[in-house]
Amino acid sequence: MTNDYGHLALQGRLAAATAEPEEIGFQIRTRVQELGHGCIFLVQKAGA
C-alpha cells in the first residue's frame, strides 16, 4: 500500500497540475493528501 500510494501521489500531482479548471486540480491534490493521511493511520494500526 505504501509503494502504491507513492505512485498515486506522483500521478495525482501530475493530474492536478493538468486539470481544468483549477478547482478540480485542487480537489485531486487535497483528496490524494487525505488518502495519504488515512493510509498512514492504517499502516500504524496494522503495526499495532
ModelCIF file with pLDDT and N, C-alpha, C, O atoms, coordinates in Angstrom:
data_MODEL
#
_entry.id   MODEL 
#
_entity.id                         1 
_entity.type                       polymer 
_entity.pdbx_number_of_molecules   1 
#
_entity_poly.entity_id                      1 
_entity_poly.type                           'polypeptide(L)' 
_entity_poly.nstd_linkage                   no 
_entity_poly.nstd_monomer                   no 
_entity_poly.pdbx_seq_one_letter_code       MTNDYGHLALQGRLAAATAEPEEIGFQIRTRVQELGHGCIFLVQKAGA 
_entity_poly.pdbx_seq_one_letter_code_can   MTNDYGHLALQGRLAAATAEPEEIGFQIRTRVQELGHGCIFLVQKAGA 
_entity_poly.pdbx_strand_id                 A 
#
loop_
_entity_poly_seq.entity_id 
_entity_poly_seq.num 
_entity_poly_seq.mon_id 
_entity_poly_seq.hetero 
1 1  MET n 
1 2  THR n 
1 3  ASN n 
1 4  ASP n 
1 5  TYR n 
1 6  GLY n 
1 7  HIS n 
1 8  LEU n 
1 9  ALA n 
1 10 LEU n 
1 11 GLN n 
1 12 GLY n 
1 13 ARG n 
1 14 LEU n 
1 15 ALA n 
1 16 ALA n 
1 17 ALA n 
1 18 THR n 
1 19 ALA n 
1 20 GLU n 
1 21 PRO n 
1 22 GLU n 
1 23 GLU n 
1 24 ILE n 
1 25 GLY n 
1 26 PHE n 
1 27 GLN n 
1 28 ILE n 
1 29 ARG n 
1 30 THR n 
1 31 ARG n 
1 32 VAL n 
1 33 GLN n 
1 34 GLU n 
1 35 LEU n 
1 36 GLY n 
1 37 HIS n 
1 38 GLY n 
1 39 CYS n 
1 40 ILE n 
1 41 PHE n 
1 42 LEU n 
1 43 VAL n 
1 44 GLN n 
1 45 LYS n 
1 46 ALA n 
1 47 GLY n 
1 48 ALA n 
#
_struct_asym.id          A 
_struct_asym.entity_id   1 
#
loop_
_ma_qa_metric.id 
_ma_qa_metric.mode 
_ma_qa_metric.name 
_ma_qa_metric.software_group_id 
_ma_qa_metric.type 
1 global pLDDT . pLDDT 
2 local  pLDDT . pLDDT 
#
_ma_qa_metric_global.metric_id      1 
_ma_qa_metric_global.metric_value   88.33 
_ma_qa_metric_global.model_id       1 
_ma_qa_metric_global.ordinal_id     1 
#
loop_
_ma_qa_metric_local.label_asym_id 
_ma_qa_metric_local.label_comp_id 
_ma_qa_metric_local.label_seq_id 
_ma_qa_metric_local.metric_id 
_ma_qa_metric_local.metric_value 
_ma_qa_metric_local.model_id 
_ma_qa_metric_local.ordinal_id 
A MET 1  2 83.00 1 1  
A THR 2  2 85.00 1 2  
A ASN 3  2 85.00 1 3  
A ASP 4  2 85.00 1 4  
A TYR 5  2 87.00 1 5  
A GLY 6  2 88.00 1 6  
A HIS 7  2 87.00 1 7  
A LEU 8  2 86.00 1 8  
A ALA 9  2 89.00 1 9  
A LEU 10 2 88.00 1 10 
A GLN 11 2 86.00 1 11 
A GLY 12 2 86.00 1 12 
A ARG 13 2 89.00 1 13 
A LEU 14 2 86.00 1 14 
A ALA 15 2 84.00 1 15 
A ALA 16 2 86.00 1 16 
A ALA 17 2 86.00 1 17 
A THR 18 2 83.00 1 18 
A ALA 19 2 81.00 1 19 
A GLU 20 2 80.00 1 20 
A PRO 21 2 82.00 1 21 
A GLU 22 2 86.00 1 22 
A GLU 23 2 88.00 1 23 
A ILE 24 2 87.00 1 24 
A GLY 25 2 88.00 1 25 
A PHE 26 2 93.00 1 26 
A GLN 27 2 91.00 1 27 
A ILE 28 2 90.00 1 28 
A ARG 29 2 93.00 1 29 
A THR 30 2 94.00 1 30 
A ARG 31 2 93.00 1 31 
A VAL 32 2 92.00 1 32 
A GLN 33 2 95.00 1 33 
A GLU 34 2 94.00 1 34 
A LEU 35 2 91.00 1 35 
A GLY 36 2 92.00 1 36 
A HIS 37 2 94.00 1 37 
A GLY 38 2 91.00 1 38 
A CYS 39 2 89.00 1 39 
A ILE 40 2 92.00 1 40 
A PHE 41 2 92.00 1 41 
A LEU 42 2 87.00 1 42 
A VAL 43 2 89.00 1 43 
A GLN 44 2 92.00 1 44 
A LYS 45 2 89.00 1 45 
A ALA 46 2 87.00 1 46 
A GLY 47 2 89.00 1 47 
A ALA 48 2 90.00 1 48 
#
loop_
_atom_site.group_PDB 
_atom_site.id 
_atom_site.type_symbol 
_atom_site.label_atom_id 
_atom_site.label_alt_id 
_atom_site.label_comp_id 
_atom_site.label_asym_id 
_atom_site.label_entity_id 
_atom_site.label_seq_id 
_atom_site.pdbx_PDB_ins_code 
_atom_site.Cartn_x 
_atom_site.Cartn_y 
_atom_site.Cartn_z 
_atom_site.occupancy 
_atom_site.B_iso_or_equiv 
_atom_site.pdbx_formal_charge 
_atom_site.auth_seq_id 
_atom_site.auth_comp_id 
_atom_site.auth_asym_id 
_atom_site.auth_atom_id 
_atom_site.pdbx_PDB_model_num 
ATOM 1   N N  . MET A 1 1  ? 0.836   -1.197 0.000   1.00 83.00 ? 1  MET A N  1 
ATOM 2   C CA . MET A 1 1  ? 0.000   0.000  0.000   1.00 83.00 ? 1  MET A CA 1 
ATOM 3   C C  . MET A 1 1  ? 0.873   1.251  0.000   1.00 83.00 ? 1  MET A C  1 
ATOM 4   O O  . MET A 1 1  ? 0.569   2.218  -0.699  1.00 83.00 ? 1  MET A O  1 
ATOM 5   N N  . THR A 1 2  ? 1.942   1.241  0.767   1.00 85.00 ? 2  THR A N  1 
ATOM 6   C CA . THR A 1 2  ? 2.846   2.386  0.822   1.00 85.00 ? 2  THR A CA 1 
ATOM 7   C C  . THR A 1 2  ? 3.473   2.648  -0.540  1.00 85.00 ? 2  THR A C  1 
ATOM 8   O O  . THR A 1 2  ? 3.536   3.795  -0.982  1.00 85.00 ? 2  THR A O  1 
ATOM 9   N N  . ASN A 1 3  ? 3.934   1.600  -1.204  1.00 85.00 ? 3  ASN A N  1 
ATOM 10  C CA . ASN A 1 3  ? 4.513   1.755  -2.540  1.00 85.00 ? 3  ASN A CA 1 
ATOM 11  C C  . ASN A 1 3  ? 3.484   2.269  -3.536  1.00 85.00 ? 3  ASN A C  1 
ATOM 12  O O  . ASN A 1 3  ? 3.757   3.182  -4.315  1.00 85.00 ? 3  ASN A O  1 
ATOM 13  N N  . ASP A 1 4  ? 2.298   1.669  -3.500  1.00 85.00 ? 4  ASP A N  1 
ATOM 14  C CA . ASP A 1 4  ? 1.241   2.085  -4.425  1.00 85.00 ? 4  ASP A CA 1 
ATOM 15  C C  . ASP A 1 4  ? 0.819   3.533  -4.177  1.00 85.00 ? 4  ASP A C  1 
ATOM 16  O O  . ASP A 1 4  ? 0.563   4.283  -5.119  1.00 85.00 ? 4  ASP A O  1 
ATOM 17  N N  . TYR A 1 5  ? 0.751   3.914  -2.914  1.00 87.00 ? 5  TYR A N  1 
ATOM 18  C CA . TYR A 1 5  ? 0.379   5.303  -2.628  1.00 87.00 ? 5  TYR A CA 1 
ATOM 19  C C  . TYR A 1 5  ? 1.446   6.261  -3.159  1.00 87.00 ? 5  TYR A C  1 
ATOM 20  O O  . TYR A 1 5  ? 1.116   7.337  -3.658  1.00 87.00 ? 5  TYR A O  1 
ATOM 21  N N  . GLY A 1 6  ? 2.702   5.888  -3.059  1.00 88.00 ? 6  GLY A N  1 
ATOM 22  C CA . GLY A 1 6  ? 3.772   6.731  -3.605  1.00 88.00 ? 6  GLY A CA 1 
ATOM 23  C C  . GLY A 1 6  ? 3.590   6.966  -5.098  1.00 88.00 ? 6  GLY A C  1 
ATOM 24  O O  . GLY A 1 6  ? 3.771   8.084  -5.581  1.00 88.00 ? 6  GLY A O  1 
ATOM 25  N N  . HIS A 1 7  ? 3.233   5.916  -5.829  1.00 87.00 ? 7  HIS A N  1 
ATOM 26  C CA . HIS A 1 7  ? 2.969   6.056  -7.259  1.00 87.00 ? 7  HIS A CA 1 
ATOM 27  C C  . HIS A 1 7  ? 1.737   6.929  -7.500  1.00 87.00 ? 7  HIS A C  1 
ATOM 28  O O  . HIS A 1 7  ? 1.734   7.784  -8.386  1.00 87.00 ? 7  HIS A O  1 
ATOM 29  N N  . LEU A 1 8  ? 0.700   6.705  -6.705  1.00 86.00 ? 8  LEU A N  1 
ATOM 30  C CA . LEU A 1 8  ? -0.519  7.506  -6.850  1.00 86.00 ? 8  LEU A CA 1 
ATOM 31  C C  . LEU A 1 8  ? -0.244  8.979  -6.565  1.00 86.00 ? 8  LEU A C  1 
ATOM 32  O O  . LEU A 1 8  ? -0.752  9.852  -7.269  1.00 86.00 ? 8  LEU A O  1 
ATOM 33  N N  . ALA A 1 9  ? 0.547   9.256  -5.552  1.00 89.00 ? 9  ALA A N  1 
ATOM 34  C CA . ALA A 1 9  ? 0.858   10.649 -5.212  1.00 89.00 ? 9  ALA A CA 1 
ATOM 35  C C  . ALA A 1 9  ? 1.566   11.341 -6.373  1.00 89.00 ? 9  ALA A C  1 
ATOM 36  O O  . ALA A 1 9  ? 1.276   12.498 -6.677  1.00 89.00 ? 9  ALA A O  1 
ATOM 37  N N  . LEU A 1 10 ? 2.486   10.642 -7.018  1.00 88.00 ? 10 LEU A N  1 
ATOM 38  C CA . LEU A 1 10 ? 3.183   11.214 -8.169  1.00 88.00 ? 10 LEU A CA 1 
ATOM 39  C C  . LEU A 1 10 ? 2.208   11.462 -9.319  1.00 88.00 ? 10 LEU A C  1 
ATOM 40  O O  . LEU A 1 10 ? 2.187   12.548 -9.900  1.00 88.00 ? 10 LEU A O  1 
ATOM 41  N N  . GLN A 1 11 ? 1.405   10.456 -9.642  1.00 86.00 ? 11 GLN A N  1 
ATOM 42  C CA . GLN A 1 11 ? 0.435   10.608 -10.728 1.00 86.00 ? 11 GLN A CA 1 
ATOM 43  C C  . GLN A 1 11 ? -0.634  11.643 -10.379 1.00 86.00 ? 11 GLN A C  1 
ATOM 44  O O  . GLN A 1 11 ? -1.096  12.385 -11.246 1.00 86.00 ? 11 GLN A O  1 
ATOM 45  N N  . GLY A 1 12 ? -1.022  11.685 -9.111  1.00 86.00 ? 12 GLY A N  1 
ATOM 46  C CA . GLY A 1 12 ? -2.007  12.674 -8.670  1.00 86.00 ? 12 GLY A CA 1 
ATOM 47  C C  . GLY A 1 12 ? -1.486  14.093 -8.816  1.00 86.00 ? 12 GLY A C  1 
ATOM 48  O O  . GLY A 1 12 ? -2.232  15.001 -9.183  1.00 86.00 ? 12 GLY A O  1 
ATOM 49  N N  . ARG A 1 13 ? -0.200  14.283 -8.525  1.00 89.00 ? 13 ARG A N  1 
ATOM 50  C CA . ARG A 1 13 ? 0.412   15.599 -8.690  1.00 89.00 ? 13 ARG A CA 1 
ATOM 51  C C  . ARG A 1 13 ? 0.365   16.024 -10.159 1.00 89.00 ? 13 ARG A C  1 
ATOM 52  O O  . ARG A 1 13 ? 0.053   17.173 -10.470 1.00 89.00 ? 13 ARG A O  1 
ATOM 53  N N  . LEU A 1 14 ? 0.677   15.090 -11.053 1.00 86.00 ? 14 LEU A N  1 
ATOM 54  C CA . LEU A 1 14 ? 0.630   15.383 -12.486 1.00 86.00 ? 14 LEU A CA 1 
ATOM 55  C C  . LEU A 1 14 ? -0.800  15.667 -12.942 1.00 86.00 ? 14 LEU A C  1 
ATOM 56  O O  . LEU A 1 14 ? -1.034  16.594 -13.718 1.00 86.00 ? 14 LEU A O  1 
ATOM 57  N N  . ALA A 1 15 ? -1.750  14.876 -12.465 1.00 84.00 ? 15 ALA A N  1 
ATOM 58  C CA . ALA A 1 15 ? -3.150  15.073 -12.839 1.00 84.00 ? 15 ALA A CA 1 
ATOM 59  C C  . ALA A 1 15 ? -3.657  16.412 -12.322 1.00 84.00 ? 15 ALA A C  1 
ATOM 60  O O  . ALA A 1 15 ? -4.380  17.114 -13.029 1.00 84.00 ? 15 ALA A O  1 
ATOM 61  N N  . ALA A 1 16 ? -3.288  16.772 -11.100 1.00 86.00 ? 16 ALA A N  1 
ATOM 62  C CA . ALA A 1 16 ? -3.728  18.046 -10.524 1.00 86.00 ? 16 ALA A CA 1 
ATOM 63  C C  . ALA A 1 16 ? -3.151  19.227 -11.291 1.00 86.00 ? 16 ALA A C  1 
ATOM 64  O O  . ALA A 1 16 ? -3.816  20.249 -11.463 1.00 86.00 ? 16 ALA A O  1 
ATOM 65  N N  . ALA A 1 17 ? -1.913  19.084 -11.750 1.00 86.00 ? 17 ALA A N  1 
ATOM 66  C CA . ALA A 1 17 ? -1.267  20.178 -12.477 1.00 86.00 ? 17 ALA A CA 1 
ATOM 67  C C  . ALA A 1 17 ? -1.902  20.404 -13.845 1.00 86.00 ? 17 ALA A C  1 
ATOM 68  O O  . ALA A 1 17 ? -1.893  21.526 -14.351 1.00 86.00 ? 17 ALA A O  1 
ATOM 69  N N  . THR A 1 18 ? -2.448  19.361 -14.442 1.00 83.00 ? 18 THR A N  1 
ATOM 70  C CA . THR A 1 18 ? -3.009  19.493 -15.782 1.00 83.00 ? 18 THR A CA 1 
ATOM 71  C C  . THR A 1 18 ? -4.527  19.599 -15.796 1.00 83.00 ? 18 THR A C  1 
ATOM 72  O O  . THR A 1 18 ? -5.122  19.783 -16.858 1.00 83.00 ? 18 THR A O  1 
ATOM 73  N N  . ALA A 1 19 ? -5.159  19.486 -14.637 1.00 81.00 ? 19 ALA A N  1 
ATOM 74  C CA . ALA A 1 19 ? -6.624  19.500 -14.577 1.00 81.00 ? 19 ALA A CA 1 
ATOM 75  C C  . ALA A 1 19 ? -7.167  20.885 -14.870 1.00 81.00 ? 19 ALA A C  1 
ATOM 76  O O  . ALA A 1 19 ? -6.592  21.899 -14.474 1.00 81.00 ? 19 ALA A O  1 
ATOM 77  N N  . GLU A 1 20 ? -8.285  20.902 -15.573 1.00 80.00 ? 20 GLU A N  1 
ATOM 78  C CA . GLU A 1 20 ? -9.020  22.138 -15.837 1.00 80.00 ? 20 GLU A CA 1 
ATOM 79  C C  . GLU A 1 20 ? -10.430 21.929 -15.347 1.00 80.00 ? 20 GLU A C  1 
ATOM 80  O O  . GLU A 1 20 ? -11.000 20.877 -15.633 1.00 80.00 ? 20 GLU A O  1 
ATOM 81  N N  . PRO A 1 21 ? -11.015 22.825 -14.651 1.00 82.00 ? 21 PRO A N  1 
ATOM 82  C CA . PRO A 1 21 ? -10.484 24.061 -14.095 1.00 82.00 ? 21 PRO A CA 1 
ATOM 83  C C  . PRO A 1 21 ? -9.576  23.794 -12.894 1.00 82.00 ? 21 PRO A C  1 
ATOM 84  O O  . PRO A 1 21 ? -9.432  22.658 -12.443 1.00 82.00 ? 21 PRO A O  1 
ATOM 85  N N  . GLU A 1 22 ? -8.977  24.852 -12.399 1.00 86.00 ? 22 GLU A N  1 
ATOM 86  C CA . GLU A 1 22 ? -8.011  24.715 -11.300 1.00 86.00 ? 22 GLU A CA 1 
ATOM 87  C C  . GLU A 1 22 ? -8.613  24.083 -10.058 1.00 86.00 ? 22 GLU A C  1 
ATOM 88  O O  . GLU A 1 22 ? -7.919  23.379 -9.324  1.00 86.00 ? 22 GLU A O  1 
ATOM 89  N N  . GLU A 1 23 ? -9.890  24.325 -9.813  1.00 88.00 ? 23 GLU A N  1 
ATOM 90  C CA . GLU A 1 23 ? -10.509 23.768 -8.599  1.00 88.00 ? 23 GLU A CA 1 
ATOM 91  C C  . GLU A 1 23 ? -10.543 22.240 -8.639  1.00 88.00 ? 23 GLU A C  1 
ATOM 92  O O  . GLU A 1 23 ? -10.496 21.597 -7.591  1.00 88.00 ? 23 GLU A O  1 
ATOM 93  N N  . ILE A 1 24 ? -10.623 21.657 -9.825  1.00 87.00 ? 24 ILE A N  1 
ATOM 94  C CA . ILE A 1 24 ? -10.543 20.192 -9.940  1.00 87.00 ? 24 ILE A CA 1 
ATOM 95  C C  . ILE A 1 24 ? -9.147  19.732 -9.543  1.00 87.00 ? 24 ILE A C  1 
ATOM 96  O O  . ILE A 1 24 ? -8.996  18.730 -8.844  1.00 87.00 ? 24 ILE A O  1 
ATOM 97  N N  . GLY A 1 25 ? -8.136  20.455 -9.982  1.00 88.00 ? 25 GLY A N  1 
ATOM 98  C CA . GLY A 1 25 ? -6.763  20.141 -9.588  1.00 88.00 ? 25 GLY A CA 1 
ATOM 99  C C  . GLY A 1 25 ? -6.581  20.233 -8.083  1.00 88.00 ? 25 GLY A C  1 
ATOM 100 O O  . GLY A 1 25 ? -5.905  19.401 -7.477  1.00 88.00 ? 25 GLY A O  1 
ATOM 101 N N  . PHE A 1 26 ? -7.193  21.259 -7.479  1.00 93.00 ? 26 PHE A N  1 
ATOM 102 C CA . PHE A 1 26 ? -7.124  21.410 -6.025  1.00 93.00 ? 26 PHE A CA 1 
ATOM 103 C C  . PHE A 1 26 ? -7.812  20.235 -5.337  1.00 93.00 ? 26 PHE A C  1 
ATOM 104 O O  . PHE A 1 26 ? -7.303  19.714 -4.345  1.00 93.00 ? 26 PHE A O  1 
ATOM 105 N N  . GLN A 1 27 ? -8.964  19.814 -5.856  1.00 91.00 ? 27 GLN A N  1 
ATOM 106 C CA . GLN A 1 27 ? -9.674  18.665 -5.271  1.00 91.00 ? 27 GLN A CA 1 
ATOM 107 C C  . GLN A 1 27 ? -8.825  17.403 -5.363  1.00 91.00 ? 27 GLN A C  1 
ATOM 108 O O  . GLN A 1 27 ? -8.731  16.641 -4.401  1.00 91.00 ? 27 GLN A O  1 
ATOM 109 N N  . ILE A 1 28 ? -8.213  17.185 -6.510  1.00 90.00 ? 28 ILE A N  1 
ATOM 110 C CA . ILE A 1 28 ? -7.373  15.989 -6.671  1.00 90.00 ? 28 ILE A CA 1 
ATOM 111 C C  . ILE A 1 28 ? -6.243  16.016 -5.654  1.00 90.00 ? 28 ILE A C  1 
ATOM 112 O O  . ILE A 1 28 ? -6.002  15.032 -4.955  1.00 90.00 ? 28 ILE A O  1 
ATOM 113 N N  . ARG A 1 29 ? -5.554  17.149 -5.577  1.00 93.00 ? 29 ARG A N  1 
ATOM 114 C CA . ARG A 1 29 ? -4.418  17.283 -4.658  1.00 93.00 ? 29 ARG A CA 1 
ATOM 115 C C  . ARG A 1 29 ? -4.864  17.071 -3.207  1.00 93.00 ? 29 ARG A C  1 
ATOM 116 O O  . ARG A 1 29 ? -4.214  16.346 -2.453  1.00 93.00 ? 29 ARG A O  1 
ATOM 117 N N  . THR A 1 30 ? -5.962  17.699 -2.827  1.00 94.00 ? 30 THR A N  1 
ATOM 118 C CA . THR A 1 30 ? -6.462  17.601 -1.446  1.00 94.00 ? 30 THR A CA 1 
ATOM 119 C C  . THR A 1 30 ? -6.881  16.175 -1.109  1.00 94.00 ? 30 THR A C  1 
ATOM 120 O O  . THR A 1 30 ? -6.547  15.660 -0.042  1.00 94.00 ? 30 THR A O  1 
ATOM 121 N N  . ARG A 1 31 ? -7.606  15.547 -2.013  1.00 93.00 ? 31 ARG A N  1 
ATOM 122 C CA . ARG A 1 31 ? -8.104  14.199 -1.732  1.00 93.00 ? 31 ARG A CA 1 
ATOM 123 C C  . ARG A 1 31 ? -6.983  13.169 -1.711  1.00 93.00 ? 31 ARG A C  1 
ATOM 124 O O  . ARG A 1 31 ? -7.035  12.211 -0.939  1.00 93.00 ? 31 ARG A O  1 
ATOM 125 N N  . VAL A 1 32 ? -5.978  13.358 -2.546  1.00 92.00 ? 32 VAL A N  1 
ATOM 126 C CA . VAL A 1 32 ? -4.818  12.443 -2.502  1.00 92.00 ? 32 VAL A CA 1 
ATOM 127 C C  . VAL A 1 32 ? -4.088  12.614 -1.170  1.00 92.00 ? 32 VAL A C  1 
ATOM 128 O O  . VAL A 1 32 ? -3.640  11.628 -0.585  1.00 92.00 ? 32 VAL A O  1 
ATOM 129 N N  . GLN A 1 33 ? -3.962  13.850 -0.684  1.00 95.00 ? 33 GLN A N  1 
ATOM 130 C CA . GLN A 1 33 ? -3.326  14.082 0.617   1.00 95.00 ? 33 GLN A CA 1 
ATOM 131 C C  . GLN A 1 33 ? -4.134  13.447 1.743   1.00 95.00 ? 33 GLN A C  1 
ATOM 132 O O  . GLN A 1 33 ? -3.566  12.830 2.644   1.00 95.00 ? 33 GLN A O  1 
ATOM 133 N N  . GLU A 1 34 ? -5.462  13.596 1.695   1.00 94.00 ? 34 GLU A N  1 
ATOM 134 C CA . GLU A 1 34 ? -6.311  12.990 2.725   1.00 94.00 ? 34 GLU A CA 1 
ATOM 135 C C  . GLU A 1 34 ? -6.188  11.468 2.700   1.00 94.00 ? 34 GLU A C  1 
ATOM 136 O O  . GLU A 1 34 ? -6.167  10.815 3.743   1.00 94.00 ? 34 GLU A O  1 
ATOM 137 N N  . LEU A 1 35 ? -6.107  10.919 1.493   1.00 91.00 ? 35 LEU A N  1 
ATOM 138 C CA . LEU A 1 35 ? -5.900  9.472  1.373   1.00 91.00 ? 35 LEU A CA 1 
ATOM 139 C C  . LEU A 1 35 ? -4.566  9.078  2.001   1.00 91.00 ? 35 LEU A C  1 
ATOM 140 O O  . LEU A 1 35 ? -4.470  8.046  2.665   1.00 91.00 ? 35 LEU A O  1 
ATOM 141 N N  . GLY A 1 36 ? -3.551  9.890  1.795   1.00 92.00 ? 36 GLY A N  1 
ATOM 142 C CA . GLY A 1 36 ? -2.241  9.622  2.395   1.00 92.00 ? 36 GLY A CA 1 
ATOM 143 C C  . GLY A 1 36 ? -2.305  9.579  3.909   1.00 92.00 ? 36 GLY A C  1 
ATOM 144 O O  . GLY A 1 36 ? -1.708  8.706  4.539   1.00 92.00 ? 36 GLY A O  1 
ATOM 145 N N  . HIS A 1 37 ? -3.037  10.529 4.498   1.00 94.00 ? 37 HIS A N  1 
ATOM 146 C CA . HIS A 1 37 ? -3.191  10.526 5.963   1.00 94.00 ? 37 HIS A CA 1 
ATOM 147 C C  . HIS A 1 37 ? -3.926  9.265  6.418   1.00 94.00 ? 37 HIS A C  1 
ATOM 148 O O  . HIS A 1 37 ? -3.560  8.655  7.422   1.00 94.00 ? 37 HIS A O  1 
ATOM 149 N N  . GLY A 1 38 ? -4.965  8.879  5.672   1.00 91.00 ? 38 GLY A N  1 
ATOM 150 C CA . GLY A 1 38 ? -5.691  7.651  6.011   1.00 91.00 ? 38 GLY A CA 1 
ATOM 151 C C  . GLY A 1 38 ? -4.795  6.423  5.914   1.00 91.00 ? 38 GLY A C  1 
ATOM 152 O O  . GLY A 1 38 ? -4.876  5.518  6.744   1.00 91.00 ? 38 GLY A O  1 
ATOM 153 N N  . CYS A 1 39 ? -3.932  6.399  4.886   1.00 89.00 ? 39 CYS A N  1 
ATOM 154 C CA . CYS A 1 39 ? -3.005  5.270  4.723   1.00 89.00 ? 39 CYS A CA 1 
ATOM 155 C C  . CYS A 1 39 ? -2.015  5.208  5.882   1.00 89.00 ? 39 CYS A C  1 
ATOM 156 O O  . CYS A 1 39 ? -1.666  4.125  6.351   1.00 89.00 ? 39 CYS A O  1 
ATOM 157 N N  . ILE A 1 40 ? -1.563  6.377  6.341   1.00 92.00 ? 40 ILE A N  1 
ATOM 158 C CA . ILE A 1 40 ? -0.641  6.419  7.491   1.00 92.00 ? 40 ILE A CA 1 
ATOM 159 C C  . ILE A 1 40 ? -1.298  5.786  8.710   1.00 92.00 ? 40 ILE A C  1 
ATOM 160 O O  . ILE A 1 40 ? -0.695  4.950  9.382   1.00 92.00 ? 40 ILE A O  1 
ATOM 161 N N  . PHE A 1 41 ? -2.544  6.189  8.995   1.00 92.00 ? 41 PHE A N  1 
ATOM 162 C CA . PHE A 1 41 ? -3.254  5.623  10.153  1.00 92.00 ? 41 PHE A CA 1 
ATOM 163 C C  . PHE A 1 41 ? -3.441  4.118  9.989   1.00 92.00 ? 41 PHE A C  1 
ATOM 164 O O  . PHE A 1 41 ? -3.307  3.361  10.950  1.00 92.00 ? 41 PHE A O  1 
ATOM 165 N N  . LEU A 1 42 ? -3.753  3.688  8.762   1.00 87.00 ? 42 LEU A N  1 
ATOM 166 C CA . LEU A 1 42 ? -3.962  2.274  8.512   1.00 87.00 ? 42 LEU A CA 1 
ATOM 167 C C  . LEU A 1 42 ? -2.678  1.477  8.746   1.00 87.00 ? 42 LEU A C  1 
ATOM 168 O O  . LEU A 1 42 ? -2.716  0.403  9.346   1.00 87.00 ? 42 LEU A O  1 
ATOM 169 N N  . VAL A 1 43 ? -1.560  1.989  8.284   1.00 89.00 ? 43 VAL A N  1 
ATOM 170 C CA . VAL A 1 43 ? -0.273  1.310  8.495   1.00 89.00 ? 43 VAL A CA 1 
ATOM 171 C C  . VAL A 1 43 ? 0.065   1.279  9.984   1.00 89.00 ? 43 VAL A C  1 
ATOM 172 O O  . VAL A 1 43 ? 0.562   0.272  10.487  1.00 89.00 ? 43 VAL A O  1 
ATOM 173 N N  . GLN A 1 44 ? -0.201  2.377  10.689  1.00 92.00 ? 44 GLN A N  1 
ATOM 174 C CA . GLN A 1 44 ? 0.052   2.407  12.133  1.00 92.00 ? 44 GLN A CA 1 
ATOM 175 C C  . GLN A 1 44 ? -0.775  1.363  12.857  1.00 92.00 ? 44 GLN A C  1 
ATOM 176 O O  . GLN A 1 44 ? -0.271  0.666  13.737  1.00 92.00 ? 44 GLN A O  1 
ATOM 177 N N  . LYS A 1 45 ? -2.045  1.252  12.488  1.00 89.00 ? 45 LYS A N  1 
ATOM 178 C CA . LYS A 1 45 ? -2.911  0.253  13.138  1.00 89.00 ? 45 LYS A CA 1 
ATOM 179 C C  . LYS A 1 45 ? -2.469  -1.165 12.784  1.00 89.00 ? 45 LYS A C  1 
ATOM 180 O O  . LYS A 1 45 ? -2.539  -2.069 13.616  1.00 89.00 ? 45 LYS A O  1 
ATOM 181 N N  . ALA A 1 46 ? -2.017  -1.354 11.555  1.00 87.00 ? 46 ALA A N  1 
ATOM 182 C CA . ALA A 1 46 ? -1.507  -2.678 11.173  1.00 87.00 ? 46 ALA A CA 1 
ATOM 183 C C  . ALA A 1 46 ? -0.285  -3.034 12.006  1.00 87.00 ? 46 ALA A C  1 
ATOM 184 O O  . ALA A 1 46 ? -0.147  -4.172 12.454  1.00 87.00 ? 46 ALA A O  1 
ATOM 185 N N  . GLY A 1 47 ? 0.603   -2.066 12.214  1.00 89.00 ? 47 GLY A N  1 
ATOM 186 C CA . GLY A 1 47 ? 1.778   -2.302 13.058  1.00 89.00 ? 47 GLY A CA 1 
ATOM 187 C C  . GLY A 1 47 ? 1.388   -2.598 14.497  1.00 89.00 ? 47 GLY A C  1 
ATOM 188 O O  . GLY A 1 47 ? 1.964   -3.478 15.137  1.00 89.00 ? 47 GLY A O  1 
ATOM 189 N N  . ALA A 1 48 ? 0.406   -1.856 15.005  1.00 90.00 ? 48 ALA A N  1 
ATOM 190 C CA . ALA A 1 48 ? -0.055  -2.081 16.381  1.00 90.00 ? 48 ALA A CA 1 
ATOM 191 C C  . ALA A 1 48 ? -0.657  -3.473 16.531  1.00 90.00 ? 48 ALA A C  1 
ATOM 192 O O  . ALA A 1 48 ? -1.098  -3.841 17.619  1.00 90.00 ? 48 ALA A O  1 
#
